[in-house]
Protein backbone atom coordinates (compact mmCIF):
# COMPACT_ATOMS: atom_id res chain seq x y z
CA UNK A 1 0.00 0.00 0.00
CA UNK A 2 0.99 3.62 -0.51
CA UNK A 3 0.43 5.33 2.83
CA UNK A 4 0.64 8.89 4.10
CA UNK A 5 1.44 9.41 7.77
CA UNK A 6 0.65 12.75 9.41
CA UNK A 7 2.41 13.03 12.75
CA UNK A 8 4.53 15.37 14.86
CA UNK A 9 6.54 12.68 16.63
CA UNK A 10 9.96 12.66 14.96
CA UNK A 11 11.36 9.56 16.64
CA UNK A 12 8.20 7.52 17.09
CA UNK A 13 6.92 8.34 13.60
CA UNK A 14 10.20 7.37 11.98
CA UNK A 15 10.19 4.02 13.80
CA UNK A 16 6.60 3.34 12.75
CA UNK A 17 7.28 4.29 9.14
CA UNK A 18 10.31 2.01 9.06
CA UNK A 19 8.24 -0.88 10.41
CA UNK A 20 5.57 -0.34 7.76
CA UNK A 21 8.21 -0.26 5.02
CA UNK A 22 9.64 -3.55 6.30
CA UNK A 23 6.17 -4.99 5.70
CA UNK A 24 6.38 -3.89 2.08
CA UNK A 25 4.40 -0.63 2.22
CA UNK A 26 5.42 2.78 0.89
CA UNK A 27 5.18 5.52 3.52
CA UNK A 28 5.31 9.27 3.04
CA UNK A 29 5.55 11.33 6.22
CA UNK A 30 4.22 14.84 6.68
CA UNK A 31 3.79 16.82 9.88
CA UNK A 32 0.93 19.28 9.44
CA UNK A 33 -2.78 18.80 8.99
CA UNK A 34 -2.72 21.26 6.11
CA UNK A 35 -0.27 18.94 4.31
CA UNK A 36 -2.85 16.15 4.34
CA UNK A 37 -5.67 18.36 3.07
CA UNK A 38 -3.50 19.41 0.14
CA UNK A 39 -2.00 16.00 -0.65
CA UNK A 40 -4.43 13.19 0.20
CA UNK A 41 -4.83 11.94 -3.38
CA UNK A 42 -3.09 8.79 -4.57
CA UNK A 43 -2.83 7.05 -1.20
CA UNK A 44 -4.49 3.82 -0.15
CA UNK A 45 -4.83 4.96 3.47
CA UNK A 46 -3.95 7.69 5.96
CA UNK A 47 -2.35 7.32 9.39
CA UNK A 48 -3.31 10.42 11.33
CA UNK A 49 -1.93 11.56 14.68
CA UNK A 50 -4.42 13.55 16.75
CA UNK A 51 -1.74 15.92 18.06
CA UNK A 52 -0.47 18.15 15.25
CA UNK A 53 1.36 21.49 15.32
CA UNK A 54 -1.03 23.50 13.13
CA UNK A 55 -4.49 22.17 14.03
CA UNK A 56 -6.30 19.46 15.94
CA UNK A 57 -6.17 16.10 14.19
CA UNK A 58 -9.93 15.56 14.49
CA UNK A 59 -10.53 18.93 12.88
CA UNK A 60 -8.28 17.85 10.01
CA UNK A 61 -10.23 14.61 9.72
CA UNK A 62 -13.59 16.37 9.57
CA UNK A 63 -12.31 18.68 6.82
CA UNK A 64 -10.89 15.70 4.93
CA UNK A 65 -14.21 13.89 5.08
CA UNK A 66 -15.89 16.78 3.27
CA UNK A 67 -13.94 15.89 0.15
CA UNK A 68 -12.52 12.36 0.47
CA UNK A 69 -13.42 8.86 1.65
CA UNK A 70 -9.81 7.62 1.85
CA UNK A 71 -9.47 5.20 4.80
CA UNK A 72 -8.06 6.84 7.94
CA UNK A 73 -6.56 5.16 11.01
CA UNK A 74 -6.14 7.53 13.94
CA UNK A 75 -3.24 7.32 16.36
CA UNK A 76 -4.42 8.77 19.68
CA UNK A 77 -2.93 9.37 23.10
CA UNK A 78 -5.98 8.23 25.07
CA UNK A 79 -7.66 4.84 25.27
CA UNK A 80 -10.86 5.96 27.02
CA UNK A 81 -14.21 5.28 25.36
CA UNK A 82 -15.01 8.96 24.81
CA UNK A 83 -11.80 9.61 22.84
CA UNK A 84 -12.25 6.54 20.66
CA UNK A 85 -15.93 7.25 19.94
CA UNK A 86 -15.14 10.89 19.14
CA UNK A 87 -12.46 9.82 16.69
CA UNK A 88 -14.75 7.34 14.94
CA UNK A 89 -17.63 9.82 14.82
CA UNK A 90 -15.29 12.39 13.27
CA UNK A 91 -14.79 10.06 10.30
CA UNK A 92 -12.00 7.67 11.24
CA UNK A 93 -12.19 4.08 10.03
CA UNK A 94 -10.20 2.82 13.01
CA UNK A 95 -8.46 4.07 16.15
CA UNK A 96 -5.22 2.88 17.75
CA UNK A 97 -3.60 4.08 20.94
CA UNK A 98 0.05 5.18 20.78
CA UNK A 99 2.55 3.68 20.75
CA UNK A 100 0.98 1.49 18.08
CA UNK A 101 2.23 -2.05 17.64
CA UNK A 102 3.37 -2.46 14.05
CA UNK A 103 1.71 -5.84 13.49
CA UNK A 104 -1.65 -4.58 14.71
CA UNK A 105 -1.39 -1.38 12.67
CA UNK A 106 -0.63 -3.35 9.50
CA UNK A 107 -3.61 -5.64 10.13
CA UNK A 108 -5.93 -2.70 10.75
CA UNK A 109 -4.76 -0.92 7.61
CA UNK A 110 -5.33 -4.05 5.55
CA UNK A 111 -8.82 -4.43 7.05
CA UNK A 112 -9.97 -0.87 6.32
CA UNK A 113 -8.58 -0.87 2.78
CA UNK A 114 -10.19 -4.25 2.13
CA UNK A 115 -13.58 -2.82 3.13
CA UNK A 116 -13.08 0.06 0.73
CA UNK A 117 -12.16 -2.38 -2.03
CA UNK A 118 -15.39 -4.31 -1.48
CA UNK A 119 -17.38 -1.06 -1.57
CA UNK A 120 -15.67 -0.06 -4.83
CA UNK A 121 -16.63 -3.35 -6.44
CA UNK A 122 -20.22 -2.84 -5.29
CA UNK A 123 -20.27 0.58 -6.96
CA UNK A 124 -19.28 -0.92 -10.32
CA UNK A 125 -22.88 -1.33 -11.39
CA UNK A 126 -25.50 0.09 -13.70
CA UNK A 127 -27.78 2.74 -12.25
CA UNK A 128 -31.14 3.47 -13.84
CA UNK A 129 -33.19 6.59 -13.07
CA UNK A 130 -36.37 7.13 -15.06
CA UNK A 131 -35.16 6.54 -18.66
CA UNK A 132 -31.51 7.38 -17.92
CA UNK A 133 -29.15 4.40 -17.72
CA UNK A 134 -25.59 4.87 -16.42
CA UNK A 135 -23.16 1.98 -16.80
CA UNK A 136 -20.35 2.89 -14.40
CA UNK A 137 -17.98 0.13 -15.52
CA UNK A 138 -18.37 0.77 -19.26
CA UNK A 139 -18.64 4.56 -18.76
CA UNK A 140 -21.70 4.54 -20.98
CA UNK A 141 -24.82 6.71 -20.61
CA UNK A 142 -28.13 6.20 -22.40
CA UNK A 143 -31.23 8.40 -22.30
CA UNK A 144 -34.46 6.88 -23.64
CA UNK A 145 -32.37 4.15 -25.23
CA UNK A 146 -30.09 6.58 -27.08
CA UNK A 147 -26.36 6.82 -26.35
CA UNK A 148 -25.37 10.22 -24.93
CA UNK A 149 -21.69 11.06 -25.50
CA UNK A 150 -20.11 12.69 -22.45
CA UNK A 151 -16.65 14.12 -21.97
CA UNK A 152 -14.40 12.56 -19.33
CA UNK A 153 -15.10 15.36 -16.86
CA UNK A 154 -18.85 15.25 -17.47
CA UNK A 155 -18.90 11.51 -16.82
CA UNK A 156 -16.82 11.89 -13.66
CA UNK A 157 -19.27 14.47 -12.31
CA UNK A 158 -22.16 12.15 -13.13
CA UNK A 159 -20.38 9.20 -11.53
CA UNK A 160 -19.86 11.03 -8.24
CA UNK A 161 -23.56 11.88 -8.11
CA UNK A 162 -25.07 8.52 -9.16
CA UNK A 163 -22.87 6.65 -6.68
CA UNK A 164 -24.66 8.68 -3.97
CA UNK A 165 -28.33 8.66 -5.07
CA UNK A 166 -30.53 10.97 -3.04
CA UNK A 167 -27.55 12.42 -1.15
CA UNK A 168 -26.56 16.07 -1.41
CA UNK A 169 -22.96 16.37 -2.64
CA UNK A 170 -21.16 19.64 -1.95
CA UNK A 171 -19.44 21.65 -4.68
CA UNK A 172 -16.17 21.20 -2.78
CA UNK A 173 -16.51 17.43 -2.78
CA UNK A 174 -17.33 17.36 -6.49
CA UNK A 175 -14.35 19.56 -7.33
CA UNK A 176 -12.02 17.46 -5.20
CA UNK A 177 -13.23 14.14 -6.63
CA UNK A 178 -13.06 15.26 -10.28
CA UNK A 179 -10.24 17.81 -10.39
CA UNK A 180 -8.33 16.89 -7.22
CA UNK A 181 -8.82 20.45 -5.99
CA UNK A 182 -11.61 21.90 -3.87
CA UNK A 183 -10.39 25.49 -4.14
CA UNK A 184 -12.51 28.35 -5.42
CA UNK A 185 -10.43 28.63 -8.61
CA UNK A 186 -11.96 25.39 -9.91
CA UNK A 187 -15.58 26.37 -9.20
CA UNK A 188 -16.09 28.05 -12.59
CA UNK A 189 -15.07 24.82 -14.33
CA UNK A 190 -17.57 22.93 -12.21
CA UNK A 191 -20.43 25.21 -13.23
CA UNK A 192 -19.53 25.02 -16.93
CA UNK A 193 -19.22 21.23 -17.06
CA UNK A 194 -22.28 20.66 -14.86
CA UNK A 195 -24.37 22.90 -17.10
CA UNK A 196 -23.19 20.94 -20.15
CA UNK A 197 -23.94 17.61 -18.46
CA UNK A 198 -27.46 18.67 -17.50
CA UNK A 199 -28.13 19.94 -21.01
CA UNK A 200 -26.97 16.67 -22.60
CA UNK A 201 -29.10 14.53 -20.28
CA UNK A 202 -32.08 16.87 -20.71
CA UNK A 203 -33.63 15.56 -17.50
CA UNK A 204 -33.60 18.60 -15.15
CA UNK A 205 -35.36 16.80 -12.31
CA UNK A 206 -32.60 14.18 -12.00
CA UNK A 207 -29.78 16.58 -11.09
CA UNK A 208 -31.03 18.97 -8.45
CA UNK A 209 -29.10 22.18 -7.85
CA UNK A 210 -29.04 22.79 -4.09
CA UNK A 211 -28.57 26.52 -3.78
CA UNK A 212 -25.48 27.48 -1.81
CA UNK A 213 -24.32 23.87 -1.38
CA UNK A 214 -24.07 21.57 -4.37
CA UNK A 215 -26.05 18.96 -6.30
CA UNK A 216 -28.07 15.79 -5.75
CA UNK A 217 -28.91 12.90 -8.08
CA UNK A 218 -32.53 11.80 -7.88
CA UNK A 219 -35.22 12.82 -5.41
CA UNK A 220 -34.70 14.02 -1.87
CA UNK A 221 -35.02 10.84 0.25
CA UNK A 222 -36.77 12.82 2.98
CA UNK A 223 -39.50 14.11 0.70
CA UNK A 224 -42.59 11.99 0.33
CA UNK A 225 -43.17 10.68 -3.18
CA UNK A 226 -45.76 8.48 -4.78
CA UNK A 227 -43.18 6.99 -7.10
CA UNK A 228 -41.03 4.86 -4.80
CA UNK A 229 -39.39 3.17 -7.76
CA UNK A 230 -38.00 6.35 -9.29
CA UNK A 231 -34.43 5.20 -8.86
CA UNK A 232 -33.10 1.69 -8.67
CA UNK A 233 -29.92 -0.19 -9.42
CA UNK A 234 -29.58 -3.47 -11.28
Foldseek 3Di string as FASTA:
>chain_A
DEEEEADDDVPLVVVLQVLVVVVPYHYHYDHALVVCVQPVPPGQEYEYEQDGDPDGRLVSLLVCVLADLRAYEYEYQDDDPVVQVSSVVSRHPYYDYPPDDNVVVVVSSVVVSVVVVVLVVVLQFWKDFDQWIARNVVRWIDGVNHTQDADPLLSQLVSVQRSPALDFRFQQNSCCSRVVGSDPVCSVVVVVSPVVSCVRNVPAQQWAQDPPTGIHGYHNPPDDDPCPPRIDTD
